[in-house]
N, C-alpha and C. Protein backbone atom coordinates (compact mmCIF):
# COMPACT_ATOMS: atom_id res chain seq x y z
N MET A 1 0.91 -1.26 -0.09
CA MET A 1 -0.04 -0.14 -0.05
C MET A 1 1.06 1.24 -0.03
N GLY A 2 0.49 2.32 -0.87
CA GLY A 2 1.07 3.71 -0.80
C GLY A 2 1.18 4.22 0.42
N HIS A 3 1.57 5.63 0.31
CA HIS A 3 1.46 6.43 1.21
C HIS A 3 -0.06 7.14 0.99
N PRO A 4 -0.54 7.35 2.65
CA PRO A 4 -1.94 7.73 2.70
C PRO A 4 -2.05 9.25 2.11
N ILE A 5 -3.30 9.60 1.77
CA ILE A 5 -3.81 10.95 1.41
C ILE A 5 -3.74 11.66 2.74
N ILE A 6 -3.04 12.87 2.66
CA ILE A 6 -3.07 13.51 4.06
C ILE A 6 -4.10 14.70 3.78
N ILE A 7 -4.89 14.90 4.76
CA ILE A 7 -5.94 15.76 4.60
C ILE A 7 -5.86 17.00 5.77
N GLY A 8 -6.21 18.06 5.37
CA GLY A 8 -6.00 19.18 6.33
C GLY A 8 -7.64 19.69 6.44
N VAL A 9 -8.05 20.02 7.68
CA VAL A 9 -9.46 20.45 7.86
C VAL A 9 -9.40 21.85 8.40
N VAL A 10 -10.02 22.82 7.76
CA VAL A 10 -10.30 24.00 8.25
C VAL A 10 -11.68 24.32 8.56
N ASP A 11 -12.32 24.41 10.08
CA ASP A 11 -13.79 24.56 10.34
C ASP A 11 -13.51 25.25 11.31
N ASP A 12 -14.57 26.23 11.82
CA ASP A 12 -14.48 26.93 13.23
C ASP A 12 -15.32 26.30 14.12
N HIS A 13 -15.83 25.14 13.97
CA HIS A 13 -16.74 24.25 14.89
C HIS A 13 -15.89 23.10 15.28
N PRO A 14 -15.46 23.07 16.54
CA PRO A 14 -14.57 21.82 17.14
C PRO A 14 -15.43 20.50 16.96
N VAL A 15 -16.34 20.47 17.08
CA VAL A 15 -17.49 19.14 16.91
C VAL A 15 -17.20 18.63 15.57
N VAL A 16 -17.16 19.42 14.57
CA VAL A 16 -17.15 19.01 13.21
C VAL A 16 -15.71 18.42 12.90
N ARG A 17 -14.74 19.37 13.35
CA ARG A 17 -13.31 18.79 13.03
C ARG A 17 -13.15 17.68 13.72
N GLU A 18 -13.56 17.44 15.03
CA GLU A 18 -13.26 16.05 15.45
C GLU A 18 -13.99 14.88 15.01
N GLY A 19 -15.06 15.40 14.34
CA GLY A 19 -15.94 14.45 13.93
C GLY A 19 -15.30 13.51 12.60
N LEU A 20 -14.74 14.61 11.82
CA LEU A 20 -14.03 14.63 10.42
C LEU A 20 -12.83 13.60 10.66
N ARG A 21 -12.14 13.95 11.74
CA ARG A 21 -10.81 13.46 12.11
C ARG A 21 -11.08 11.97 12.42
N VAL A 22 -12.08 11.82 13.21
CA VAL A 22 -12.37 10.41 13.68
C VAL A 22 -12.88 9.72 12.55
N PHE A 23 -13.67 10.16 11.74
CA PHE A 23 -14.15 9.38 10.57
C PHE A 23 -13.27 8.95 9.44
N LEU A 24 -12.36 10.08 9.21
CA LEU A 24 -11.48 9.99 8.34
C LEU A 24 -10.20 8.98 8.43
N ASP A 25 -9.73 9.23 9.53
CA ASP A 25 -8.73 8.49 10.19
C ASP A 25 -8.98 6.94 10.21
N GLY A 26 -9.99 6.58 10.10
CA GLY A 26 -10.49 5.35 10.05
C GLY A 26 -10.29 4.52 8.81
N PHE A 27 -9.96 5.23 7.77
CA PHE A 27 -9.69 4.58 6.48
C PHE A 27 -7.90 4.61 6.23
N GLN A 28 -7.67 3.30 5.78
CA GLN A 28 -6.17 3.09 5.71
C GLN A 28 -5.52 4.03 4.75
N ASP A 29 -6.28 4.38 3.85
CA ASP A 29 -5.47 5.19 2.55
C ASP A 29 -5.81 6.88 3.04
N ILE A 30 -6.06 7.29 4.17
CA ILE A 30 -6.46 8.71 4.52
C ILE A 30 -5.92 8.83 5.86
N ARG A 31 -5.07 9.86 5.86
CA ARG A 31 -4.78 10.31 7.31
C ARG A 31 -5.09 12.10 7.45
N VAL A 32 -5.56 12.53 8.75
CA VAL A 32 -5.74 13.64 8.82
C VAL A 32 -4.69 14.53 9.57
N GLY A 33 -3.85 15.21 8.78
CA GLY A 33 -2.72 15.86 9.11
C GLY A 33 -2.79 16.79 10.21
N PHE A 34 -4.01 17.61 10.03
CA PHE A 34 -4.08 18.64 11.19
C PHE A 34 -5.48 19.04 10.77
N ASP A 35 -6.19 19.60 11.93
CA ASP A 35 -7.65 20.30 12.00
C ASP A 35 -7.55 21.62 12.63
N VAL A 36 -7.97 22.54 12.21
CA VAL A 36 -7.73 24.06 12.82
C VAL A 36 -9.14 24.66 12.64
N GLY A 37 -9.22 25.71 13.34
CA GLY A 37 -10.29 26.53 13.37
C GLY A 37 -10.25 27.90 12.85
N ARG A 38 -9.03 28.47 12.51
CA ARG A 38 -8.76 29.91 12.17
C ARG A 38 -8.10 29.90 10.73
N ALA A 39 -8.23 30.74 9.87
CA ALA A 39 -7.33 30.82 8.88
C ALA A 39 -5.79 30.97 9.00
N GLY A 40 -5.40 31.80 9.97
CA GLY A 40 -3.99 31.68 10.14
C GLY A 40 -3.52 30.58 10.52
N GLU A 41 -4.10 30.07 11.39
CA GLU A 41 -3.52 28.44 11.96
C GLU A 41 -3.43 27.32 10.86
N ALA A 42 -4.32 27.52 9.77
CA ALA A 42 -4.23 26.74 8.46
C ALA A 42 -2.84 27.07 7.90
N ILE A 43 -2.48 28.31 7.62
CA ILE A 43 -1.36 28.74 6.98
C ILE A 43 -0.37 28.22 7.81
N GLU A 44 -0.10 28.33 8.90
CA GLU A 44 0.77 27.77 9.61
C GLU A 44 1.03 26.28 9.58
N ALA A 45 -0.08 25.77 9.60
CA ALA A 45 -0.14 24.30 9.58
C ALA A 45 0.59 23.66 8.23
N LEU A 46 -0.16 24.43 7.03
CA LEU A 46 0.47 23.97 5.81
C LEU A 46 2.07 24.17 5.61
N ARG A 47 2.59 25.38 6.14
CA ARG A 47 3.86 25.38 6.17
C ARG A 47 4.60 24.34 7.03
N ARG A 48 4.03 23.83 8.22
CA ARG A 48 4.89 22.79 8.67
C ARG A 48 4.64 21.35 8.02
N GLU A 49 3.14 21.03 7.56
CA GLU A 49 2.91 19.79 6.56
C GLU A 49 2.00 19.99 5.82
N PRO A 50 2.50 20.54 4.50
CA PRO A 50 1.48 20.41 3.47
C PRO A 50 0.80 19.32 3.30
N CYS A 51 -0.67 19.41 2.95
CA CYS A 51 -1.36 18.28 2.70
C CYS A 51 -1.92 18.19 1.34
N HIS A 52 -2.34 17.01 1.17
CA HIS A 52 -2.61 16.73 -0.27
C HIS A 52 -4.16 17.45 -0.72
N VAL A 53 -4.98 17.26 0.45
CA VAL A 53 -6.37 17.72 0.07
C VAL A 53 -6.87 18.76 1.44
N LEU A 54 -7.29 19.93 1.10
CA LEU A 54 -7.79 20.63 2.23
C LEU A 54 -9.34 20.64 2.22
N LEU A 55 -9.84 20.25 3.33
CA LEU A 55 -11.37 20.50 3.62
C LEU A 55 -11.53 21.86 4.10
N LEU A 56 -12.06 22.80 3.37
CA LEU A 56 -12.18 24.30 3.65
C LEU A 56 -13.73 24.53 3.82
N ASP A 57 -14.21 25.05 4.89
CA ASP A 57 -15.44 25.70 5.32
C ASP A 57 -15.33 27.05 4.91
N LEU A 58 -16.45 27.57 4.36
CA LEU A 58 -16.40 29.06 3.86
C LEU A 58 -16.81 30.08 5.12
N LEU A 59 -17.59 29.44 6.02
CA LEU A 59 -18.14 30.28 6.93
C LEU A 59 -17.09 30.16 8.40
N LEU A 60 -16.15 30.94 8.35
CA LEU A 60 -15.11 31.21 9.33
C LEU A 60 -15.24 32.50 10.15
N GLN A 61 -15.40 32.27 11.38
CA GLN A 61 -15.56 33.44 12.25
C GLN A 61 -14.13 34.21 12.43
N ASP A 62 -13.62 34.49 11.57
CA ASP A 62 -12.32 35.23 11.41
C ASP A 62 -12.05 36.35 10.71
N ASP A 63 -10.85 36.83 10.93
CA ASP A 63 -10.49 38.22 9.98
C ASP A 63 -10.46 37.80 8.62
N MET A 64 -10.20 36.46 8.24
CA MET A 64 -10.13 35.92 6.77
C MET A 64 -11.01 34.95 6.53
N ASP A 65 -12.06 35.14 5.73
CA ASP A 65 -13.14 34.20 5.42
C ASP A 65 -12.61 33.08 4.56
N GLY A 66 -13.27 31.93 4.06
CA GLY A 66 -12.81 30.88 3.64
C GLY A 66 -12.36 31.41 2.33
N ALA A 67 -13.11 32.11 1.55
CA ALA A 67 -12.73 32.43 0.09
C ALA A 67 -11.11 33.16 0.03
N GLU A 68 -11.05 34.04 1.11
CA GLU A 68 -9.61 34.74 1.24
C GLU A 68 -8.56 33.80 1.41
N LEU A 69 -8.95 33.05 2.42
CA LEU A 69 -7.94 31.73 2.96
C LEU A 69 -7.79 30.74 1.60
N PHE A 70 -8.56 30.55 0.72
CA PHE A 70 -8.35 29.75 -0.40
C PHE A 70 -7.25 30.47 -1.33
N ASP A 71 -7.67 31.98 -1.45
CA ASP A 71 -6.84 32.52 -2.35
C ASP A 71 -5.31 32.61 -1.83
N ARG A 72 -4.98 32.77 -0.56
CA ARG A 72 -3.85 32.39 0.16
C ARG A 72 -3.05 31.14 0.04
N VAL A 73 -3.81 30.11 0.17
CA VAL A 73 -3.49 28.90 -0.15
C VAL A 73 -2.95 28.49 -1.62
N ARG A 74 -3.81 29.15 -2.62
CA ARG A 74 -3.38 28.81 -3.91
C ARG A 74 -2.32 29.59 -4.25
N GLN A 75 -2.03 30.49 -3.69
CA GLN A 75 -0.70 31.53 -3.80
C GLN A 75 0.53 30.81 -3.17
N GLU A 76 0.51 30.42 -1.97
CA GLU A 76 1.60 29.90 -1.23
C GLU A 76 1.93 28.25 -1.43
N PHE A 77 0.57 27.64 -1.59
CA PHE A 77 0.60 26.08 -1.66
C PHE A 77 0.02 25.63 -2.90
N PRO A 78 0.40 25.83 -4.01
CA PRO A 78 -0.26 25.81 -5.38
C PRO A 78 -0.49 24.08 -5.66
N THR A 79 0.11 23.22 -5.17
CA THR A 79 -0.29 21.84 -5.32
C THR A 79 -1.18 21.27 -4.28
N VAL A 80 -1.59 21.97 -3.18
CA VAL A 80 -2.68 21.56 -2.47
C VAL A 80 -4.04 21.71 -3.10
N ARG A 81 -4.75 20.49 -2.98
CA ARG A 81 -6.13 20.61 -3.83
C ARG A 81 -7.18 20.88 -2.58
N VAL A 82 -8.11 21.97 -3.13
CA VAL A 82 -9.05 22.34 -1.99
C VAL A 82 -10.56 21.85 -2.34
N LEU A 83 -11.12 21.12 -1.44
CA LEU A 83 -12.53 20.67 -1.44
C LEU A 83 -13.18 21.64 -0.44
N VAL A 84 -14.27 22.30 -0.86
CA VAL A 84 -14.93 23.32 -0.04
C VAL A 84 -16.17 22.31 0.42
N LEU A 85 -16.10 22.15 1.88
CA LEU A 85 -16.99 21.45 2.47
C LEU A 85 -17.63 22.42 3.53
N THR A 86 -18.97 22.82 2.99
CA THR A 86 -19.63 24.05 3.88
C THR A 86 -21.06 23.85 3.79
N SER A 87 -21.73 24.67 4.45
CA SER A 87 -23.19 24.85 4.60
C SER A 87 -23.66 26.06 3.95
N SER A 88 -22.55 27.05 3.25
CA SER A 88 -22.82 28.11 2.82
C SER A 88 -23.47 28.11 1.35
N ARG A 89 -24.76 28.82 1.10
CA ARG A 89 -25.33 28.63 -0.08
C ARG A 89 -24.99 29.85 -0.97
N ASP A 90 -23.77 30.46 -0.65
CA ASP A 90 -23.29 31.53 -1.40
C ASP A 90 -22.65 31.30 -3.01
N SER A 91 -23.73 31.18 -3.88
CA SER A 91 -23.28 30.69 -5.08
C SER A 91 -22.20 31.84 -5.84
N GLU A 92 -22.35 32.81 -5.38
CA GLU A 92 -21.22 33.82 -6.22
C GLU A 92 -20.01 33.42 -5.65
N THR A 93 -19.73 33.14 -4.37
CA THR A 93 -18.48 32.76 -3.77
C THR A 93 -17.72 31.33 -4.34
N LEU A 94 -18.86 30.53 -4.40
CA LEU A 94 -18.71 29.11 -5.01
C LEU A 94 -18.03 29.27 -6.25
N ARG A 95 -18.93 30.08 -7.11
CA ARG A 95 -18.55 30.26 -8.59
C ARG A 95 -17.06 30.58 -8.86
N TYR A 96 -16.85 31.55 -7.81
CA TYR A 96 -15.56 32.32 -8.00
C TYR A 96 -14.42 31.03 -7.65
N LEU A 97 -14.64 30.40 -6.71
CA LEU A 97 -13.69 29.32 -5.97
C LEU A 97 -13.58 28.32 -7.26
N GLU A 98 -14.72 28.04 -8.00
CA GLU A 98 -14.58 27.10 -9.12
C GLU A 98 -13.65 27.79 -10.14
N ARG A 99 -13.97 28.94 -10.45
CA ARG A 99 -13.15 29.70 -11.52
C ARG A 99 -11.81 29.57 -11.22
N GLN A 100 -11.23 29.80 -9.77
CA GLN A 100 -10.00 30.08 -9.39
C GLN A 100 -9.12 28.71 -9.07
N GLY A 101 -9.84 27.58 -9.37
CA GLY A 101 -9.17 26.44 -9.44
C GLY A 101 -9.45 25.32 -8.43
N ALA A 102 -10.55 25.73 -7.30
CA ALA A 102 -10.62 24.92 -6.30
C ALA A 102 -11.18 23.46 -6.84
N SER A 103 -10.78 22.44 -6.23
CA SER A 103 -11.10 21.10 -6.70
C SER A 103 -12.36 20.70 -6.60
N GLY A 104 -13.41 21.30 -5.83
CA GLY A 104 -14.76 20.81 -5.62
C GLY A 104 -15.33 21.39 -4.55
N TYR A 105 -16.62 21.00 -4.67
CA TYR A 105 -17.84 21.72 -3.44
C TYR A 105 -18.64 20.42 -3.00
N LEU A 106 -18.71 20.36 -1.73
CA LEU A 106 -19.85 19.54 -1.16
C LEU A 106 -20.49 20.31 0.11
N ASP A 107 -21.89 20.03 0.07
CA ASP A 107 -22.59 20.39 1.11
C ASP A 107 -22.18 19.65 2.51
N LYS A 108 -22.30 20.09 3.63
CA LYS A 108 -21.84 19.56 4.88
C LYS A 108 -22.94 18.24 5.23
N THR A 109 -23.99 18.33 4.39
CA THR A 109 -25.08 17.18 4.69
C THR A 109 -24.55 15.91 3.69
N VAL A 110 -23.56 16.03 3.27
CA VAL A 110 -23.07 14.82 2.24
C VAL A 110 -22.94 13.69 2.92
N ASN A 111 -23.44 12.67 2.22
CA ASN A 111 -23.11 11.27 2.72
C ASN A 111 -22.01 11.00 3.08
N PRO A 112 -21.48 10.49 4.32
CA PRO A 112 -19.94 10.27 4.47
C PRO A 112 -19.25 9.36 3.45
N ASP A 113 -19.65 8.32 2.93
CA ASP A 113 -19.11 7.50 1.87
C ASP A 113 -18.83 8.51 0.66
N ASP A 114 -19.87 9.38 0.35
CA ASP A 114 -19.56 10.23 -0.95
C ASP A 114 -18.41 11.16 -0.60
N LEU A 115 -18.22 11.67 0.50
CA LEU A 115 -17.28 12.63 0.92
C LEU A 115 -15.71 11.85 0.76
N VAL A 116 -15.93 10.59 1.31
CA VAL A 116 -14.52 9.82 1.06
C VAL A 116 -14.39 9.50 -0.37
N SER A 117 -15.33 9.33 -1.25
CA SER A 117 -15.17 9.27 -2.71
C SER A 117 -14.56 10.25 -3.31
N ALA A 118 -15.19 11.62 -2.95
CA ALA A 118 -14.94 12.61 -3.54
C ALA A 118 -13.29 13.20 -3.04
N ILE A 119 -12.81 12.69 -1.72
CA ILE A 119 -11.35 12.96 -1.49
C ILE A 119 -10.68 12.16 -2.52
N ARG A 120 -10.96 10.98 -2.71
CA ARG A 120 -9.93 10.00 -3.41
C ARG A 120 -10.22 10.49 -4.91
N GLN A 121 -11.25 10.93 -5.27
CA GLN A 121 -11.34 11.49 -6.87
C GLN A 121 -10.33 12.86 -7.01
N ILE A 122 -10.44 13.48 -6.15
CA ILE A 122 -9.70 14.98 -6.09
C ILE A 122 -8.10 14.55 -5.87
N PHE A 123 -7.98 13.77 -5.16
CA PHE A 123 -6.50 13.30 -5.06
C PHE A 123 -5.73 12.87 -6.16
N GLN A 124 -6.80 12.34 -6.96
CA GLN A 124 -6.32 11.63 -8.27
C GLN A 124 -6.30 12.73 -9.45
N GLY A 125 -6.79 14.01 -9.18
CA GLY A 125 -6.72 14.88 -10.07
C GLY A 125 -8.12 15.41 -10.75
N ARG A 126 -9.41 14.65 -10.22
CA ARG A 126 -10.62 14.88 -10.73
C ARG A 126 -11.14 16.29 -10.05
N ARG A 127 -12.09 17.00 -10.64
CA ARG A 127 -12.79 17.77 -9.98
C ARG A 127 -14.30 17.53 -9.62
N ILE A 128 -14.98 18.17 -8.45
CA ILE A 128 -16.27 17.65 -7.97
C ILE A 128 -16.95 18.91 -8.07
N TRP A 129 -17.72 19.57 -8.98
CA TRP A 129 -18.52 20.73 -9.10
C TRP A 129 -19.79 20.22 -9.88
N ASP A 130 -20.61 19.21 -9.24
CA ASP A 130 -21.88 18.92 -9.88
C ASP A 130 -22.89 19.23 -8.83
N GLN A 131 -22.85 19.78 -7.71
CA GLN A 131 -23.98 19.83 -6.67
C GLN A 131 -23.80 21.32 -6.11
N PHE A 132 -24.30 22.13 -6.98
CA PHE A 132 -24.54 23.56 -6.41
C PHE A 132 -25.68 23.59 -5.68
N PRO A 133 -25.88 24.71 -4.52
CA PRO A 133 -27.09 24.68 -3.76
C PRO A 133 -28.27 25.14 -4.65
N SER A 134 -29.35 24.73 -4.15
CA SER A 134 -30.54 24.86 -4.90
C SER A 134 -31.69 25.45 -3.66
N SER A 135 -32.58 26.11 -4.38
CA SER A 135 -33.77 26.59 -3.44
C SER A 135 -34.96 25.86 -3.69
N ASN A 136 -35.20 24.84 -2.92
CA ASN A 136 -36.40 23.84 -3.31
C ASN A 136 -37.27 23.52 -1.98
N THR A 137 -36.90 24.25 -0.86
CA THR A 137 -37.76 23.79 0.29
C THR A 137 -38.45 24.88 0.77
N ALA A 138 -39.70 24.54 1.24
CA ALA A 138 -40.42 25.84 1.69
C ALA A 138 -40.03 26.36 3.04
N ASP A 139 -39.54 25.48 3.95
CA ASP A 139 -39.41 26.07 5.28
C ASP A 139 -37.82 26.22 5.69
N MET A 140 -37.60 27.30 6.50
CA MET A 140 -36.31 27.39 6.98
C MET A 140 -35.70 26.10 7.65
N LEU A 141 -34.45 25.78 7.66
CA LEU A 141 -33.81 24.85 8.02
C LEU A 141 -33.60 25.13 9.64
N GLU A 142 -33.19 26.38 9.81
CA GLU A 142 -33.02 26.87 11.20
C GLU A 142 -33.78 28.13 11.30
N PRO A 143 -34.06 28.58 12.38
CA PRO A 143 -34.59 29.95 12.63
C PRO A 143 -33.52 30.96 12.57
N LEU A 144 -33.89 32.25 11.97
CA LEU A 144 -32.75 33.26 11.96
C LEU A 144 -32.74 33.97 13.26
N THR A 145 -31.22 34.27 13.85
CA THR A 145 -31.18 35.01 14.85
C THR A 145 -31.69 36.53 14.85
N PRO A 146 -31.59 37.17 15.76
CA PRO A 146 -32.22 38.75 15.65
C PRO A 146 -31.02 39.57 15.00
N ARG A 147 -29.93 39.17 15.26
CA ARG A 147 -28.86 39.86 14.22
C ARG A 147 -28.92 39.58 12.89
N GLU A 148 -29.28 38.29 12.28
CA GLU A 148 -29.53 37.97 11.14
C GLU A 148 -30.84 38.52 10.50
N LEU A 149 -31.94 38.67 11.40
CA LEU A 149 -33.06 39.42 10.80
C LEU A 149 -32.75 40.87 10.74
N ASP A 150 -31.71 41.36 11.55
CA ASP A 150 -31.45 42.93 11.21
C ASP A 150 -30.82 42.93 9.80
N VAL A 151 -29.88 42.09 9.61
CA VAL A 151 -29.21 42.05 8.28
C VAL A 151 -29.88 41.90 7.15
N LEU A 152 -30.84 40.85 7.29
CA LEU A 152 -31.96 40.69 6.27
C LEU A 152 -32.75 41.73 5.90
N SER A 153 -33.20 42.47 6.82
CA SER A 153 -34.16 43.63 6.46
C SER A 153 -33.40 44.65 5.76
N LEU A 154 -32.03 44.75 6.06
CA LEU A 154 -31.30 45.74 5.38
C LEU A 154 -30.98 45.27 3.99
N LEU A 155 -30.81 43.92 3.95
CA LEU A 155 -30.67 43.58 2.52
C LEU A 155 -31.90 43.65 1.65
N ALA A 156 -32.91 43.75 2.28
CA ALA A 156 -34.30 43.98 1.64
C ALA A 156 -34.48 45.39 1.19
N GLU A 157 -33.64 46.32 1.84
CA GLU A 157 -33.79 47.92 1.55
C GLU A 157 -32.49 48.05 0.35
N GLY A 158 -32.04 46.93 0.05
CA GLY A 158 -30.88 47.20 -1.11
C GLY A 158 -29.50 47.65 -0.75
N LEU A 159 -29.32 47.60 0.47
CA LEU A 159 -27.76 48.06 0.93
C LEU A 159 -27.07 46.98 0.59
N SER A 160 -25.65 47.76 0.55
CA SER A 160 -24.30 46.92 0.19
C SER A 160 -23.97 46.19 1.56
N ASN A 161 -22.95 45.43 1.47
CA ASN A 161 -22.40 44.70 2.76
C ASN A 161 -21.93 45.92 3.79
N LYS A 162 -21.17 46.79 2.92
CA LYS A 162 -20.30 47.93 3.56
C LYS A 162 -21.57 49.03 4.38
N GLU A 163 -22.52 49.05 3.47
CA GLU A 163 -23.61 50.05 4.12
C GLU A 163 -24.47 49.27 5.19
N ILE A 164 -24.60 48.17 5.18
CA ILE A 164 -25.04 47.31 6.43
C ILE A 164 -24.38 47.19 7.60
N GLY A 165 -22.87 46.95 7.21
CA GLY A 165 -21.95 47.09 8.43
C GLY A 165 -21.99 48.42 9.07
N ALA A 166 -22.07 49.36 8.28
CA ALA A 166 -22.16 50.78 8.80
C ALA A 166 -23.26 51.14 9.73
N ARG A 167 -24.48 50.68 9.26
CA ARG A 167 -25.71 50.69 9.76
C ARG A 167 -25.82 49.98 11.06
N LEU A 168 -25.30 48.77 11.23
CA LEU A 168 -25.31 48.08 12.41
C LEU A 168 -23.97 47.96 13.12
N ASN A 169 -23.10 48.83 12.80
CA ASN A 169 -21.69 49.11 13.44
C ASN A 169 -21.00 47.55 13.72
N ILE A 170 -20.81 46.92 12.71
CA ILE A 170 -20.19 45.66 12.71
C ILE A 170 -19.25 45.57 11.34
N ARG A 171 -18.35 44.84 11.47
CA ARG A 171 -17.34 44.77 10.16
C ARG A 171 -17.95 44.18 9.10
N GLU A 172 -17.38 44.47 7.79
CA GLU A 172 -18.25 44.11 6.67
C GLU A 172 -17.95 42.77 6.57
N LYS A 173 -16.88 42.03 7.00
CA LYS A 173 -16.67 40.49 7.06
C LYS A 173 -17.57 39.79 7.90
N THR A 174 -17.84 40.44 9.06
CA THR A 174 -19.05 39.86 9.78
C THR A 174 -20.47 40.03 9.20
N VAL A 175 -20.45 40.85 8.26
CA VAL A 175 -21.85 40.87 7.25
C VAL A 175 -22.05 40.00 6.68
N LYS A 176 -20.81 39.55 5.63
CA LYS A 176 -20.59 38.37 4.94
C LYS A 176 -21.16 37.25 5.66
N VAL A 177 -20.63 36.98 6.74
CA VAL A 177 -20.81 35.55 7.40
C VAL A 177 -22.13 35.55 8.11
N HIS A 178 -22.83 36.81 8.30
CA HIS A 178 -24.27 36.72 8.38
C HIS A 178 -25.15 36.43 7.31
N ILE A 179 -24.85 37.03 6.40
CA ILE A 179 -25.43 36.89 5.03
C ILE A 179 -25.34 35.39 4.34
N SER A 180 -24.13 34.65 4.82
CA SER A 180 -23.83 33.23 4.32
C SER A 180 -24.86 32.34 5.15
N HIS A 181 -25.02 32.59 6.40
CA HIS A 181 -25.73 31.91 7.24
C HIS A 181 -27.32 32.17 6.94
N ILE A 182 -27.63 33.21 6.55
CA ILE A 182 -29.06 33.68 5.94
C ILE A 182 -29.43 32.72 4.71
N LEU A 183 -28.49 32.70 3.72
CA LEU A 183 -28.63 32.05 2.80
C LEU A 183 -28.82 30.38 3.20
N ALA A 184 -28.01 29.87 3.90
CA ALA A 184 -28.07 28.44 4.28
C ALA A 184 -29.23 28.21 4.99
N LYS A 185 -29.65 29.16 5.96
CA LYS A 185 -30.90 28.83 6.73
C LYS A 185 -32.34 29.00 5.79
N LEU A 186 -32.11 29.93 4.85
CA LEU A 186 -33.48 29.93 3.98
C LEU A 186 -33.35 28.86 2.83
N ASP A 187 -32.14 28.39 2.48
CA ASP A 187 -31.97 27.56 1.36
C ASP A 187 -31.97 27.98 0.23
N VAL A 188 -31.30 29.05 -0.10
CA VAL A 188 -31.35 29.95 -1.31
C VAL A 188 -29.84 30.09 -1.68
N TYR A 189 -29.65 30.51 -2.73
CA TYR A 189 -28.13 30.62 -3.19
C TYR A 189 -27.73 32.32 -3.66
N ASP A 190 -28.61 33.14 -3.42
CA ASP A 190 -28.21 34.51 -3.38
C ASP A 190 -28.77 35.68 -2.77
N ARG A 191 -28.39 36.86 -2.77
CA ARG A 191 -29.04 37.73 -1.85
C ARG A 191 -30.64 38.03 -2.41
N THR A 192 -30.69 38.00 -3.58
CA THR A 192 -32.14 38.44 -4.23
C THR A 192 -33.14 37.32 -3.67
N GLN A 193 -32.51 35.92 -3.94
CA GLN A 193 -33.52 34.84 -3.79
C GLN A 193 -33.69 34.96 -2.06
N ALA A 194 -32.73 35.39 -1.22
CA ALA A 194 -33.01 35.47 0.26
C ALA A 194 -34.11 36.39 0.56
N VAL A 195 -33.94 37.56 -0.18
CA VAL A 195 -35.10 38.57 0.05
C VAL A 195 -36.53 38.07 -0.38
N ILE A 196 -36.46 37.58 -1.57
CA ILE A 196 -37.85 36.97 -1.90
C ILE A 196 -38.49 36.06 -1.05
N ALA A 197 -37.44 34.88 -0.62
CA ALA A 197 -37.77 33.98 0.35
C ALA A 197 -38.26 34.56 1.71
N ALA A 198 -37.86 35.59 2.31
CA ALA A 198 -37.98 36.03 3.47
C ALA A 198 -39.35 36.79 3.09
N HIS A 199 -39.43 37.62 2.10
CA HIS A 199 -40.78 38.38 1.96
C HIS A 199 -42.04 37.29 2.12
N GLN A 200 -41.96 35.97 1.20
CA GLN A 200 -42.87 35.11 1.06
C GLN A 200 -43.09 34.46 2.61
N ARG A 201 -42.06 34.64 3.49
CA ARG A 201 -42.33 33.70 4.73
C ARG A 201 -42.75 35.13 5.78
N GLY A 202 -43.05 36.29 5.38
CA GLY A 202 -43.34 37.38 6.16
C GLY A 202 -42.35 37.91 7.03
N LEU A 203 -41.00 37.61 6.90
CA LEU A 203 -39.80 38.02 7.74
C LEU A 203 -39.65 39.45 7.30
N VAL A 204 -39.66 39.94 6.07
CA VAL A 204 -39.47 41.28 5.73
C VAL A 204 -40.62 41.81 4.88
N ARG A 205 -40.98 43.08 4.88
CA ARG A 205 -41.40 43.93 4.01
C ARG A 205 -40.77 44.64 2.96
N LEU A 206 -41.26 44.51 1.71
CA LEU A 206 -40.57 45.04 0.69
C LEU A 206 -41.13 46.54 0.44
N SER A 207 -40.73 47.67 0.50
CA SER A 207 -41.01 48.99 0.05
C SER A 207 -40.97 49.28 -1.24
N ALA A 208 -42.01 50.08 -1.70
CA ALA A 208 -41.71 50.24 -3.18
C ALA A 208 -40.97 51.18 -3.46
N ARG A 209 -39.93 51.09 -4.34
CA ARG A 209 -38.98 52.37 -4.76
C ARG A 209 -39.78 53.30 -5.77
N PRO A 210 -39.25 54.51 -5.54
CA PRO A 210 -39.90 55.48 -6.41
C PRO A 210 -39.48 55.28 -7.83
């Protein structure tokens, strides 16, 4: 048997990281080299032990989001293949990552056997970009938090991320994280669909523009 596929995991939820480590380390041809919760820790870990496949969540509570971390990884570690494993429904960011050379995308609800299959295929040079988020459920998967409702109401007013941040006195990166959570909970893939879905559920009111 050859050398195992070395995996790196970047996810800000410790339970997710531990679950992935325990599960993936159960396969003879796969070994989790590191699991970290912050972008800076991922860069440091890659410098110590570059992995073959990096499992990357987009929703990082950090100064650097998943897409920005991907750009850093591509620049500094071009041989590392990146599999985006996330609950984010931000299709704009996902399309960007696809164009920039990420190896694939899977939703966190993926069947564990399919995840292992994807890792092996990506290690062999294949790309997995056949499962983009869709909007096909009537109910929210999770209730929105008060802050997410604040952000959603300002989205409905047509404000940009920067404007929402200024209105709520939060960082623009934090706004992006809230929007990603909103998209995931509403099971939609962009801001417009989020506003439409929220209006249909009575969460926001759309004011007529002059």
